């Protein structure tokens, strides 16, 4: 079987990243210049996924590789995202670690404060 994007897990990942960055769907709509906020809600519900252009813009906004935004069924794809995350500075890697885990913002802040995030 060839790798495919998991819409539901990608939606969850984008939602986690948005929460960590304190961004709302309306913020994303404005940033991308979308005419309707419903487009963002469709991404967050797993109905649709962002276009390549929108994924690129989101990766710039959140300062993560596009691979981090997308969740698929390919095992090698996930390893690529983790290896790319190793290139980030410590602060970005911490954020990435918690986003992938689906941790809350308060958990992330507590771990950063206590310096308990593995690097």
PDB file of N, CA and C in Angstrom:
ATOM      1  N   UNK A   1       0.844  -1.182   0.000  1.00  0.00           N
ATOM      2  CA  UNK A   1       0.000   0.000   0.000  1.00  0.00           C
ATOM      3  C   UNK A   1       0.890   1.246   0.000  1.00  0.00           C
ATOM      4  N   UNK A   2       0.534   2.217  -0.769  1.00  0.00           N
ATOM      5  CA  UNK A   2       1.289   3.461  -0.845  1.00  0.00           C
ATOM      6  C   UNK A   2       0.857   4.415   0.267  1.00  0.00           C
ATOM      7  N   UNK A   3       1.729   5.361   0.640  1.00  0.00           N
ATOM      8  CA  UNK A   3       1.388   6.293   1.725  1.00  0.00           C
ATOM      9  C   UNK A   3       0.253   7.237   1.332  1.00  0.00           C
ATOM     10  N   UNK A   4      -0.650   7.454   2.264  1.00  0.00           N
ATOM     11  CA  UNK A   4      -1.748   8.409   2.071  1.00  0.00           C
ATOM     12  C   UNK A   4      -1.842   9.294   3.308  1.00  0.00           C
ATOM     13  N   UNK A   5      -2.427  10.466   3.133  1.00  0.00           N
ATOM     14  CA  UNK A   5      -2.609  11.401   4.233  1.00  0.00           C
ATOM     15  C   UNK A   5      -3.843  11.008   5.033  1.00  0.00           C
ATOM     16  N   UNK A   6      -3.692  10.949   6.334  1.00  0.00           N
ATOM     17  CA  UNK A   6      -4.805  10.676   7.238  1.00  0.00           C
ATOM     18  C   UNK A   6      -5.449  12.025   7.576  1.00  0.00           C
ATOM     19  N   UNK A   7      -6.635  12.266   7.017  1.00  0.00           N
ATOM     20  CA  UNK A   7      -7.295  13.569   7.194  1.00  0.00           C
ATOM     21  C   UNK A   7      -7.632  13.856   8.655  1.00  0.00           C
ATOM     22  N   UNK A   8      -8.124  12.861   9.370  1.00  0.00           N
ATOM     23  CA  UNK A   8      -8.524  13.070  10.761  1.00  0.00           C
ATOM     24  C   UNK A   8      -7.313  13.393  11.641  1.00  0.00           C
ATOM     25  N   UNK A   9      -6.230  12.650  11.469  1.00  0.00           N
ATOM     26  CA  UNK A   9      -5.040  12.893  12.283  1.00  0.00           C
ATOM     27  C   UNK A   9      -4.345  14.190  11.880  1.00  0.00           C
ATOM     28  N   UNK A  10      -4.391  14.516  10.596  1.00  0.00           N
ATOM     29  CA  UNK A  10      -3.835  15.784  10.143  1.00  0.00           C
ATOM     30  C   UNK A  10      -4.635  16.936  10.744  1.00  0.00           C
ATOM     31  N   UNK A  11      -5.957  16.788  10.787  1.00  0.00           N
ATOM     32  CA  UNK A  11      -6.813  17.812  11.404  1.00  0.00           C
ATOM     33  C   UNK A  11      -6.442  17.995  12.870  1.00  0.00           C
ATOM     34  N   UNK A  12      -6.247  16.899  13.570  1.00  0.00           N
ATOM     35  CA  UNK A  12      -5.881  16.956  14.985  1.00  0.00           C
ATOM     36  C   UNK A  12      -4.521  17.638  15.156  1.00  0.00           C
ATOM     37  N   UNK A  13      -3.580  17.311  14.285  1.00  0.00           N
ATOM     38  CA  UNK A  13      -2.241  17.910  14.368  1.00  0.00           C
ATOM     39  C   UNK A  13      -2.309  19.419  14.144  1.00  0.00           C
ATOM     40  N   UNK A  14      -3.028  19.846  13.103  1.00  0.00           N
ATOM     41  CA  UNK A  14      -3.149  21.285  12.815  1.00  0.00           C
ATOM     42  C   UNK A  14      -3.830  21.998  13.980  1.00  0.00           C
ATOM     43  N   UNK A  15      -4.847  21.358  14.536  1.00  0.00           N
ATOM     44  CA  UNK A  15      -5.553  21.930  15.689  1.00  0.00           C
ATOM     45  C   UNK A  15      -4.603  22.094  16.881  1.00  0.00           C
ATOM     46  N   UNK A  16      -3.779  21.086  17.151  1.00  0.00           N
ATOM     47  CA  UNK A  16      -2.815  21.162  18.250  1.00  0.00           C
ATOM     48  C   UNK A  16      -1.807  22.284  18.029  1.00  0.00           C
ATOM     49  N   UNK A  17      -1.341  22.409  16.794  1.00  0.00           N
ATOM     50  CA  UNK A  17      -0.371  23.456  16.466  1.00  0.00           C
ATOM     51  C   UNK A  17      -1.019  24.836  16.629  1.00  0.00           C
ATOM     52  N   UNK A  18      -2.249  24.970  16.168  1.00  0.00           N
ATOM     53  CA  UNK A  18      -2.959  26.244  16.313  1.00  0.00           C
ATOM     54  C   UNK A  18      -3.140  26.608  17.780  1.00  0.00           C
ATOM     55  N   UNK A  19      -3.532  25.639  18.595  1.00  0.00           N
ATOM     56  CA  UNK A  19      -3.706  25.893  20.032  1.00  0.00           C
ATOM     57  C   UNK A  19      -2.398  26.317  20.671  1.00  0.00           C
ATOM     58  N   UNK A  20      -1.310  25.619  20.319  1.00  0.00           N
ATOM     59  CA  UNK A  20      -0.003  25.952  20.894  1.00  0.00           C
ATOM     60  C   UNK A  20       0.437  27.361  20.514  1.00  0.00           C
ATOM     61  N   UNK A  21      -0.001  27.817  19.340  1.00  0.00           N
ATOM     62  CA  UNK A  21       0.360  29.159  18.865  1.00  0.00           C
ATOM     63  C   UNK A  21      -0.703  30.205  19.221  1.00  0.00           C
ATOM     64  N   UNK A  22      -1.738  29.783  19.932  1.00  0.00           N
ATOM     65  CA  UNK A  22      -2.850  30.672  20.299  1.00  0.00           C
ATOM     66  C   UNK A  22      -3.483  31.323  19.075  1.00  0.00           C
ATOM     67  N   UNK A  23      -3.724  30.534  18.046  1.00  0.00           N
ATOM     68  CA  UNK A  23      -4.361  31.030  16.812  1.00  0.00           C
ATOM     69  C   UNK A  23      -5.758  30.431  16.699  1.00  0.00           C
ATOM     70  N   UNK A  24      -6.702  31.241  16.237  1.00  0.00           N
ATOM     71  CA  UNK A  24      -8.072  30.800  16.020  1.00  0.00           C
ATOM     72  C   UNK A  24      -8.272  30.538  14.531  1.00  0.00           C
ATOM     73  N   UNK A  25      -9.349  29.845  14.170  1.00  0.00           N
ATOM     74  CA  UNK A  25      -9.642  29.683  12.740  1.00  0.00           C
ATOM     75  C   UNK A  25      -9.764  31.024  12.020  1.00  0.00           C
ATOM     76  N   UNK A  26     -10.319  32.027  12.685  1.00  0.00           N
ATOM     77  CA  UNK A  26     -10.439  33.357  12.064  1.00  0.00           C
ATOM     78  C   UNK A  26      -9.053  33.962  11.814  1.00  0.00           C
ATOM     79  N   UNK A  27      -8.109  33.740  12.731  1.00  0.00           N
ATOM     80  CA  UNK A  27      -6.737  34.219  12.528  1.00  0.00           C
ATOM     81  C   UNK A  27      -6.121  33.578  11.281  1.00  0.00           C
ATOM     82  N   UNK A  28      -6.342  32.285  11.141  1.00  0.00           N
ATOM     83  CA  UNK A  28      -5.795  31.553   9.988  1.00  0.00           C
ATOM     84  C   UNK A  28      -6.449  32.049   8.703  1.00  0.00           C
ATOM     85  N   UNK A  29      -7.754  32.257   8.751  1.00  0.00           N
ATOM     86  CA  UNK A  29      -8.473  32.772   7.578  1.00  0.00           C
ATOM     87  C   UNK A  29      -7.868  34.097   7.116  1.00  0.00           C
ATOM     88  N   UNK A  30      -7.673  34.994   8.058  1.00  0.00           N
ATOM     89  CA  UNK A  30      -7.098  36.304   7.718  1.00  0.00           C
ATOM     90  C   UNK A  30      -5.679  36.169   7.184  1.00  0.00           C
ATOM     91  N   UNK A  31      -4.858  35.352   7.839  1.00  0.00           N
ATOM     92  CA  UNK A  31      -3.463  35.181   7.426  1.00  0.00           C
ATOM     93  C   UNK A  31      -3.368  34.650   5.990  1.00  0.00           C
ATOM     94  N   UNK A  32      -4.238  33.694   5.664  1.00  0.00           N
ATOM     95  CA  UNK A  32      -4.197  33.083   4.332  1.00  0.00           C
ATOM     96  C   UNK A  32      -5.013  33.852   3.299  1.00  0.00           C
ATOM     97  N   UNK A  33      -5.780  34.829   3.747  1.00  0.00           N
ATOM     98  CA  UNK A  33      -6.605  35.594   2.820  1.00  0.00           C
ATOM     99  C   UNK A  33      -7.772  34.789   2.263  1.00  0.00           C
ATOM    100  N   UNK A  34      -8.283  33.863   3.062  1.00  0.00           N
ATOM    101  CA  UNK A  34      -9.424  33.045   2.637  1.00  0.00           C
ATOM    102  C   UNK A  34     -10.704  33.862   2.750  1.00  0.00           C
ATOM    103  N   UNK A  35     -11.632  33.620   1.845  1.00  0.00           N
ATOM    104  CA  UNK A  35     -12.883  34.377   1.870  1.00  0.00           C
ATOM    105  C   UNK A  35     -13.832  33.881   2.954  1.00  0.00           C
ATOM    106  N   UNK A  36     -13.659  32.639   3.375  1.00  0.00           N
ATOM    107  CA  UNK A  36     -14.606  32.039   4.312  1.00  0.00           C
ATOM    108  C   UNK A  36     -13.853  31.265   5.393  1.00  0.00           C
ATOM    109  N   UNK A  37     -14.199  31.489   6.654  1.00  0.00           N
ATOM    110  CA  UNK A  37     -13.562  30.773   7.763  1.00  0.00           C
ATOM    111  C   UNK A  37     -13.951  29.298   7.763  1.00  0.00           C
ATOM    112  N   UNK A  38     -15.043  28.974   7.082  1.00  0.00           N
ATOM    113  CA  UNK A  38     -15.512  27.587   7.025  1.00  0.00           C
ATOM    114  C   UNK A  38     -14.453  26.667   6.420  1.00  0.00           C
ATOM    115  N   UNK A  39     -13.636  27.196   5.537  1.00  0.00           N
ATOM    116  CA  UNK A  39     -12.558  26.405   4.944  1.00  0.00           C
ATOM    117  C   UNK A  39     -11.635  25.867   6.032  1.00  0.00           C
ATOM    118  N   UNK A  40     -11.273  26.710   6.978  1.00  0.00           N
ATOM    119  CA  UNK A  40     -10.396  26.301   8.073  1.00  0.00           C
ATOM    120  C   UNK A  40     -11.111  25.283   8.958  1.00  0.00           C
ATOM    121  N   UNK A  41     -12.381  25.527   9.231  1.00  0.00           N
ATOM    122  CA  UNK A  41     -13.141  24.563  10.039  1.00  0.00           C
ATOM    123  C   UNK A  41     -13.215  23.196   9.358  1.00  0.00           C
ATOM    124  N   UNK A  42     -13.302  23.163   8.040  1.00  0.00           N
ATOM    125  CA  UNK A  42     -13.315  21.875   7.312  1.00  0.00           C
ATOM    126  C   UNK A  42     -11.995  21.144   7.486  1.00  0.00           C
ATOM    127  N   UNK A  43     -10.888  21.898   7.529  1.00  0.00           N
ATOM    128  CA  UNK A  43      -9.589  21.261   7.791  1.00  0.00           C
ATOM    129  C   UNK A  43      -9.570  20.684   9.194  1.00  0.00           C
ATOM    130  N   UNK A  44     -10.077  21.450  10.162  1.00  0.00           N
ATOM    131  CA  UNK A  44     -10.031  21.036  11.564  1.00  0.00           C
ATOM    132  C   UNK A  44     -10.988  19.886  11.867  1.00  0.00           C
ATOM    133  N   UNK A  45     -11.987  19.710  11.027  1.00  0.00           N
ATOM    134  CA  UNK A  45     -12.933  18.596  11.174  1.00  0.00           C
ATOM    135  C   UNK A  45     -12.469  17.365  10.404  1.00  0.00           C
ATOM    136  N   UNK A  46     -11.425  17.493   9.603  1.00  0.00           N
ATOM    137  CA  UNK A  46     -10.925  16.368   8.820  1.00  0.00           C
ATOM    138  C   UNK A  46     -11.718  16.105   7.560  1.00  0.00           C
ATOM    139  N   UNK A  47     -12.560  17.047   7.159  1.00  0.00           N
ATOM    140  CA  UNK A  47     -13.342  16.900   5.928  1.00  0.00           C
ATOM    141  C   UNK A  47     -12.437  17.122   4.715  1.00  0.00           C
ATOM    142  N   UNK A  48     -11.618  18.168   4.787  1.00  0.00           N
ATOM    143  CA  UNK A  48     -10.666  18.504   3.726  1.00  0.00           C
ATOM    144  C   UNK A  48      -9.300  18.699   4.343  1.00  0.00           C
ATOM    145  N   UNK A  49      -8.282  18.805   3.487  1.00  0.00           N
ATOM    146  CA  UNK A  49      -6.953  19.169   3.948  1.00  0.00           C
ATOM    147  C   UNK A  49      -6.519  20.422   3.196  1.00  0.00           C
ATOM    148  N   UNK A  50      -5.635  21.220   3.789  1.00  0.00           N
ATOM    149  CA  UNK A  50      -5.184  22.432   3.105  1.00  0.00           C
ATOM    150  C   UNK A  50      -4.465  22.099   1.799  1.00  0.00           C
ATOM    151  N   UNK A  51      -4.551  23.027   0.849  1.00  0.00           N
ATOM    152  CA  UNK A  51      -3.808  22.870  -0.405  1.00  0.00           C
ATOM    153  C   UNK A  51      -2.311  22.964  -0.100  1.00  0.00           C
ATOM    154  N   UNK A  52      -1.498  22.598  -1.059  1.00  0.00           N
ATOM    155  CA  UNK A  52      -0.043  22.692  -0.892  1.00  0.00           C
ATOM    156  C   UNK A  52       0.368  24.131  -0.570  1.00  0.00           C
ATOM    157  N   UNK A  53      -0.215  25.095  -1.280  1.00  0.00           N
ATOM    158  CA  UNK A  53       0.102  26.499  -1.016  1.00  0.00           C
ATOM    159  C   UNK A  53      -0.257  26.885   0.415  1.00  0.00           C
ATOM    160  N   UNK A  54      -1.425  26.446   0.878  1.00  0.00           N
ATOM    161  CA  UNK A  54      -1.848  26.773   2.236  1.00  0.00           C
ATOM    162  C   UNK A  54      -1.003  26.038   3.279  1.00  0.00           C
ATOM    163  N   UNK A  55      -0.615  24.794   2.984  1.00  0.00           N
ATOM    164  CA  UNK A  55       0.280  24.069   3.895  1.00  0.00           C
ATOM    165  C   UNK A  55       1.615  24.793   4.018  1.00  0.00           C
ATOM    166  N   UNK A  56       2.121  25.275   2.886  1.00  0.00           N
ATOM    167  CA  UNK A  56       3.392  26.008   2.902  1.00  0.00           C
ATOM    168  C   UNK A  56       3.260  27.281   3.745  1.00  0.00           C
ATOM    169  N   UNK A  57       2.181  28.017   3.549  1.00  0.00           N
ATOM    170  CA  UNK A  57       1.957  29.253   4.313  1.00  0.00           C
ATOM    171  C   UNK A  57       1.807  28.943   5.805  1.00  0.00           C
ATOM    172  N   UNK A  58       1.090  27.868   6.135  1.00  0.00           N
ATOM    173  CA  UNK A  58       0.939  27.484   7.540  1.00  0.00           C
ATOM    174  C   UNK A  58       2.275  27.075   8.145  1.00  0.00           C
ATOM    175  N   UNK A  59       3.095  26.379   7.369  1.00  0.00           N
ATOM    176  CA  UNK A  59       4.405  25.977   7.881  1.00  0.00           C
ATOM    177  C   UNK A  59       5.270  27.206   8.166  1.00  0.00           C
ATOM    178  N   UNK A  60       5.134  28.245   7.342  1.00  0.00           N
ATOM    179  CA  UNK A  60       5.859  29.503   7.593  1.00  0.00           C
ATOM    180  C   UNK A  60       5.317  30.195   8.839  1.00  0.00           C
ATOM    181  N   UNK A  61       4.004  30.247   8.964  1.00  0.00           N
ATOM    182  CA  UNK A  61       3.376  30.898  10.115  1.00  0.00           C
ATOM    183  C   UNK A  61       3.805  30.234  11.424  1.00  0.00           C
ATOM    184  N   UNK A  62       3.756  28.894  11.451  1.00  0.00           N
ATOM    185  CA  UNK A  62       4.049  28.161  12.682  1.00  0.00           C
ATOM    186  C   UNK A  62       5.523  27.797  12.822  1.00  0.00           C
ATOM    187  N   UNK A  63       6.319  28.112  11.796  1.00  0.00           N
ATOM    188  CA  UNK A  63       7.755  27.837  11.795  1.00  0.00           C
ATOM    189  C   UNK A  63       8.068  26.369  12.025  1.00  0.00           C
ATOM    190  N   UNK A  64       7.366  25.522  11.256  1.00  0.00           N
ATOM    191  CA  UNK A  64       7.606  24.078  11.274  1.00  0.00           C
ATOM    192  C   UNK A  64       7.673  23.596   9.832  1.00  0.00           C
ATOM    193  N   UNK A  65       8.353  22.486   9.568  1.00  0.00           N
ATOM    194  CA  UNK A  65       8.343  21.930   8.212  1.00  0.00           C
ATOM    195  C   UNK A  65       6.928  21.482   7.830  1.00  0.00           C
ATOM    196  N   UNK A  66       6.647  21.477   6.550  1.00  0.00           N
ATOM    197  CA  UNK A  66       5.320  21.037   6.091  1.00  0.00           C
ATOM    198  C   UNK A  66       5.026  19.621   6.553  1.00  0.00           C
ATOM    199  N   UNK A  67       6.041  18.762   6.620  1.00  0.00           N
ATOM    200  CA  UNK A  67       5.850  17.378   7.068  1.00  0.00           C
ATOM    201  C   UNK A  67       5.260  17.293   8.463  1.00  0.00           C
ATOM    202  N   UNK A  68       5.523  18.292   9.289  1.00  0.00           N
ATOM    203  CA  UNK A  68       5.007  18.285  10.650  1.00  0.00           C
ATOM    204  C   UNK A  68       3.494  18.495  10.653  1.00  0.00           C
ATOM    205  N   UNK A  69       2.994  19.244   9.687  1.00  0.00           N
ATOM    206  CA  UNK A  69       1.561  19.517   9.610  1.00  0.00           C
ATOM    207  C   UNK A  69       0.756  18.319   9.126  1.00  0.00           C
ATOM    208  N   UNK A  70       1.384  17.454   8.367  1.00  0.00           N
ATOM    209  CA  UNK A  70       0.690  16.338   7.711  1.00  0.00           C
ATOM    210  C   UNK A  70       0.949  15.044   8.463  1.00  0.00           C
ATOM    211  N   UNK A  71      -0.113  14.261   8.665  1.00  0.00           N
ATOM    212  CA  UNK A  71       0.020  12.941   9.267  1.00  0.00           C
ATOM    213  C   UNK A  71      -0.448  11.927   8.233  1.00  0.00           C
ATOM    214  N   UNK A  72       0.389  10.966   7.967  1.00  0.00           N
ATOM    215  CA  UNK A  72       0.034   9.931   6.994  1.00  0.00           C
ATOM    216  C   UNK A  72       0.193   8.549   7.582  1.00  0.00           C
ATOM    217  N   UNK A  73       0.018   7.556   6.727  1.00  0.00           N
ATOM    218  CA  UNK A  73       0.157   6.179   7.183  1.00  0.00           C
ATOM    219  C   UNK A  73       1.539   5.616   6.878  1.00  0.00           C
ATOM    220  N   UNK A  74       2.415   6.419   6.279  1.00  0.00           N
ATOM    221  CA  UNK A  74       3.756   5.957   5.941  1.00  0.00           C
ATOM    222  C   UNK A  74       4.717   6.098   7.108  1.00  0.00           C
ATOM    223  N   UNK A  75       5.366   5.001   7.494  1.00  0.00           N
ATOM    224  CA  UNK A  75       6.283   5.031   8.627  1.00  0.00           C
ATOM    225  C   UNK A  75       7.519   5.875   8.315  1.00  0.00           C
ATOM    226  N   UNK A  76       8.044   5.796   7.119  1.00  0.00           N
ATOM    227  CA  UNK A  76       9.232   6.564   6.763  1.00  0.00           C
ATOM    228  C   UNK A  76       8.961   8.060   6.799  1.00  0.00           C
ATOM    229  N   UNK A  77       7.736   8.461   6.485  1.00  0.00           N
ATOM    230  CA  UNK A  77       7.385   9.887   6.503  1.00  0.00           C
ATOM    231  C   UNK A  77       7.507  10.449   7.907  1.00  0.00           C
ATOM    232  N   UNK A  78       7.053   9.714   8.896  1.00  0.00           N
ATOM    233  CA  UNK A  78       7.126  10.182  10.284  1.00  0.00           C
ATOM    234  C   UNK A  78       8.571  10.297  10.726  1.00  0.00           C
ATOM    235  N   UNK A  79       9.415   9.353  10.326  1.00  0.00           N
ATOM    236  CA  UNK A  79      10.823   9.416  10.698  1.00  0.00           C
ATOM    237  C   UNK A  79      11.487  10.635  10.078  1.00  0.00           C
ATOM    238  N   UNK A  80      11.085  10.985   8.862  1.00  0.00           N
ATOM    239  CA  UNK A  80      11.633  12.162   8.210  1.00  0.00           C
ATOM    240  C   UNK A  80      11.287  13.415   9.003  1.00  0.00           C
ATOM    241  N   UNK A  81      10.044  13.529   9.455  1.00  0.00           N
ATOM    242  CA  UNK A  81       9.625  14.703  10.226  1.00  0.00           C
ATOM    243  C   UNK A  81      10.410  14.807  11.525  1.00  0.00           C
ATOM    244  N   UNK A  82      10.639  13.680  12.189  1.00  0.00           N
ATOM    245  CA  UNK A  82      11.394  13.708  13.439  1.00  0.00           C
ATOM    246  C   UNK A  82      12.836  14.113  13.175  1.00  0.00           C
ATOM    247  N   UNK A  83      13.446  13.580  12.119  1.00  0.00           N
ATOM    248  CA  UNK A  83      14.831  13.942  11.837  1.00  0.00           C
ATOM    249  C   UNK A  83      14.948  15.415  11.463  1.00  0.00           C
ATOM    250  N   UNK A  84      13.943  15.961  10.767  1.00  0.00           N
ATOM    251  CA  UNK A  84      13.963  17.385  10.451  1.00  0.00           C
ATOM    252  C   UNK A  84      13.805  18.214  11.715  1.00  0.00           C
ATOM    253  N   UNK A  85      13.023  17.714  12.659  1.00  0.00           N
ATOM    254  CA  UNK A  85      12.815  18.448  13.903  1.00  0.00           C
ATOM    255  C   UNK A  85      14.111  18.550  14.692  1.00  0.00           C
ATOM    256  N   UNK A  86      15.010  17.589  14.535  1.00  0.00           N
ATOM    257  CA  UNK A  86      16.278  17.621  15.245  1.00  0.00           C
ATOM    258  C   UNK A  86      17.129  18.819  14.815  1.00  0.00           C
ATOM    259  N   UNK A  87      16.866  19.347  13.620  1.00  0.00           N
ATOM    260  CA  UNK A  87      17.623  20.479  13.124  1.00  0.00           C
ATOM    261  C   UNK A  87      17.175  21.773  13.802  1.00  0.00           C
ATOM    262  N   UNK A  88      15.960  21.799  14.317  1.00  0.00           N
ATOM    263  CA  UNK A  88      15.434  22.988  14.991  1.00  0.00           C
ATOM    264  C   UNK A  88      16.277  23.316  16.213  1.00  0.00           C
ATOM    265  N   UNK A  89      16.173  24.540  16.652  1.00  0.00           N
ATOM    266  CA  UNK A  89      16.793  24.857  17.924  1.00  0.00           C
ATOM    267  C   UNK A  89      15.960  24.217  19.038  1.00  0.00           C
ATOM    268  N   UNK A  90      16.474  24.247  20.231  1.00  0.00           N
ATOM    269  CA  UNK A  90      15.844  23.563  21.373  1.00  0.00           C
ATOM    270  C   UNK A  90      14.407  24.008  21.603  1.00  0.00           C
ATOM    271  N   UNK A  91      14.128  25.297  21.469  1.00  0.00           N
ATOM    272  CA  UNK A  91      12.777  25.817  21.707  1.00  0.00           C
ATOM    273  C   UNK A  91      11.785  25.242  20.702  1.00  0.00           C
ATOM    274  N   UNK A  92      12.151  25.208  19.419  1.00  0.00           N
ATOM    275  CA  UNK A  92      11.253  24.661  18.408  1.00  0.00           C
ATOM    276  C   UNK A  92      11.053  23.169  18.606  1.00  0.00           C
ATOM    277  N   UNK A  93      12.115  22.468  18.970  1.00  0.00           N
ATOM    278  CA  UNK A  93      11.968  21.031  19.168  1.00  0.00           C
ATOM    279  C   UNK A  93      11.025  20.736  20.323  1.00  0.00           C
ATOM    280  N   UNK A  94      11.125  21.526  21.388  1.00  0.00           N
ATOM    281  CA  UNK A  94      10.204  21.326  22.509  1.00  0.00           C
ATOM    282  C   UNK A  94       8.760  21.498  22.067  1.00  0.00           C
ATOM    283  N   UNK A  95       8.485  22.551  21.328  1.00  0.00           N
ATOM    284  CA  UNK A  95       7.124  22.793  20.844  1.00  0.00           C
ATOM    285  C   UNK A  95       6.680  21.642  19.952  1.00  0.00           C
ATOM    286  N   UNK A  96       7.551  21.197  19.054  1.00  0.00           N
ATOM    287  CA  UNK A  96       7.229  20.092  18.156  1.00  0.00           C
ATOM    288  C   UNK A  96       6.911  18.833  18.952  1.00  0.00           C
ATOM    289  N   UNK A  97       7.727  18.539  19.947  1.00  0.00           N
ATOM    290  CA  UNK A  97       7.549  17.351  20.775  1.00  0.00           C
ATOM    291  C   UNK A  97       6.157  17.321  21.400  1.00  0.00           C
ATOM    292  N   UNK A  98       5.727  18.441  21.944  1.00  0.00           N
ATOM    293  CA  UNK A  98       4.435  18.488  22.596  1.00  0.00           C
ATOM    294  C   UNK A  98       3.281  18.512  21.606  1.00  0.00           C
ATOM    295  N   UNK A  99       3.470  19.135  20.463  1.00  0.00           N
ATOM    296  CA  UNK A  99       2.420  19.157  19.443  1.00  0.00           C
ATOM    297  C   UNK A  99       2.151  17.745  18.944  1.00  0.00           C
ATOM    298  N   UNK A 100       3.216  17.013  18.654  1.00  0.00           N
ATOM    299  CA  UNK A 100       3.057  15.640  18.164  1.00  0.00           C
ATOM    300  C   UNK A 100       2.397  14.775  19.223  1.00  0.00           C
ATOM    301  N   UNK A 101       2.743  14.979  20.494  1.00  0.00           N
ATOM    302  CA  UNK A 101       2.128  14.229  21.586  1.00  0.00           C
ATOM    303  C   UNK A 101       0.685  14.632  21.813  1.00  0.00           C
ATOM    304  N   UNK A 102       0.304  15.824  21.350  1.00  0.00           N
ATOM    305  CA  UNK A 102      -1.045  16.313  21.597  1.00  0.00           C
ATOM    306  C   UNK A 102      -1.213  16.871  22.999  1.00  0.00           C
ATOM    307  N   UNK A 103      -0.106  17.286  23.601  1.00  0.00           N
ATOM    308  CA  UNK A 103      -0.149  17.813  24.962  1.00  0.00           C
ATOM    309  C   UNK A 103      -0.788  19.195  24.978  1.00  0.00           C
ATOM    310  N   UNK A 104      -1.278  19.559  26.131  1.00  0.00           N
ATOM    311  CA  UNK A 104      -1.892  20.878  26.281  1.00  0.00           C
ATOM    312  C   UNK A 104      -0.812  21.952  26.372  1.00  0.00           C
ATOM    313  N   UNK A 105      -1.218  23.178  26.158  1.00  0.00           N
ATOM    314  CA  UNK A 105      -0.292  24.299  26.240  1.00  0.00           C
ATOM    315  C   UNK A 105       0.263  24.402  27.661  1.00  0.00           C
ATOM    316  N   UNK A 106      -0.572  24.161  28.666  1.00  0.00           N
ATOM    317  CA  UNK A 106      -0.096  24.260  30.052  1.00  0.00           C
ATOM    318  C   UNK A 106       0.943  23.176  30.352  1.00  0.00           C
ATOM    319  N   UNK A 107       0.754  21.967  29.807  1.00  0.00           N
ATOM    320  CA  UNK A 107       1.759  20.915  29.986  1.00  0.00           C
ATOM    321  C   UNK A 107       3.086  21.336  29.366  1.00  0.00           C
ATOM    322  N   UNK A 108       3.002  21.932  28.180  1.00  0.00           N
ATOM    323  CA  UNK A 108       4.198  22.385  27.479  1.00  0.00           C
ATOM    324  C   UNK A 108       4.924  23.441  28.307  1.00  0.00           C
ATOM    325  N   UNK A 109       4.184  24.445  28.788  1.00  0.00           N
ATOM    326  CA  UNK A 109       4.803  25.516  29.569  1.00  0.00           C
ATOM    327  C   UNK A 109       5.437  24.976  30.851  1.00  0.00           C
ATOM    328  N   UNK A 110       4.742  24.035  31.511  1.00  0.00           N
ATOM    329  CA  UNK A 110       5.266  23.451  32.740  1.00  0.00           C
ATOM    330  C   UNK A 110       6.574  22.711  32.469  1.00  0.00           C
ATOM    331  N   UNK A 111       6.622  21.959  31.390  1.00  0.00           N
ATOM    332  CA  UNK A 111       7.826  21.195  31.046  1.00  0.00           C
ATOM    333  C   UNK A 111       8.985  22.122  30.677  1.00  0.00           C
ATOM    334  N   UNK A 112       8.673  23.192  29.951  1.00  0.00           N
ATOM    335  CA  UNK A 112       9.716  24.147  29.585  1.00  0.00           C
ATOM    336  C   UNK A 112      10.264  24.815  30.849  1.00  0.00           C
ATOM    337  N   UNK A 113       9.366  25.190  31.740  1.00  0.00           N
ATOM    338  CA  UNK A 113       9.778  25.846  32.991  1.00  0.00           C
ATOM    339  C   UNK A 113      10.670  24.915  33.818  1.00  0.00           C
ATOM    340  N   UNK A 114      10.314  23.619  33.859  1.00  0.00           N
ATOM    341  CA  UNK A 114      11.067  22.656  34.644  1.00  0.00           C
ATOM    342  C   UNK A 114      12.199  21.998  33.858  1.00  0.00           C
ATOM    343  N   UNK A 115      12.316  22.342  32.575  1.00  0.00           N
ATOM    344  CA  UNK A 115      13.349  21.792  31.691  1.00  0.00           C
ATOM    345  C   UNK A 115      13.315  20.265  31.668  1.00  0.00           C
ATOM    346  N   UNK A 116      12.095  19.684  31.477  1.00  0.00           N
ATOM    347  CA  UNK A 116      11.949  18.233  31.486  1.00  0.00           C
ATOM    348  C   UNK A 116      11.613  17.656  30.113  1.00  0.00           C
ATOM    349  N   UNK A 117      11.793  18.431  29.061  1.00  0.00           N
ATOM    350  CA  UNK A 117      11.507  17.928  27.725  1.00  0.00           C
ATOM    351  C   UNK A 117      12.747  17.256  27.182  1.00  0.00           C
ATOM    352  N   UNK A 118      12.623  16.010  26.689  1.00  0.00           N
ATOM    353  CA  UNK A 118      13.799  15.332  26.146  1.00  0.00           C
ATOM    354  C   UNK A 118      14.293  16.021  24.880  1.00  0.00           C
ATOM    355  N   UNK A 119      15.580  16.133  24.748  1.00  0.00           N
ATOM    356  CA  UNK A 119      16.180  16.725  23.546  1.00  0.00           C
ATOM    357  C   UNK A 119      17.306  15.844  23.084  1.00  0.00           C
TER     358      UNK A 119
END
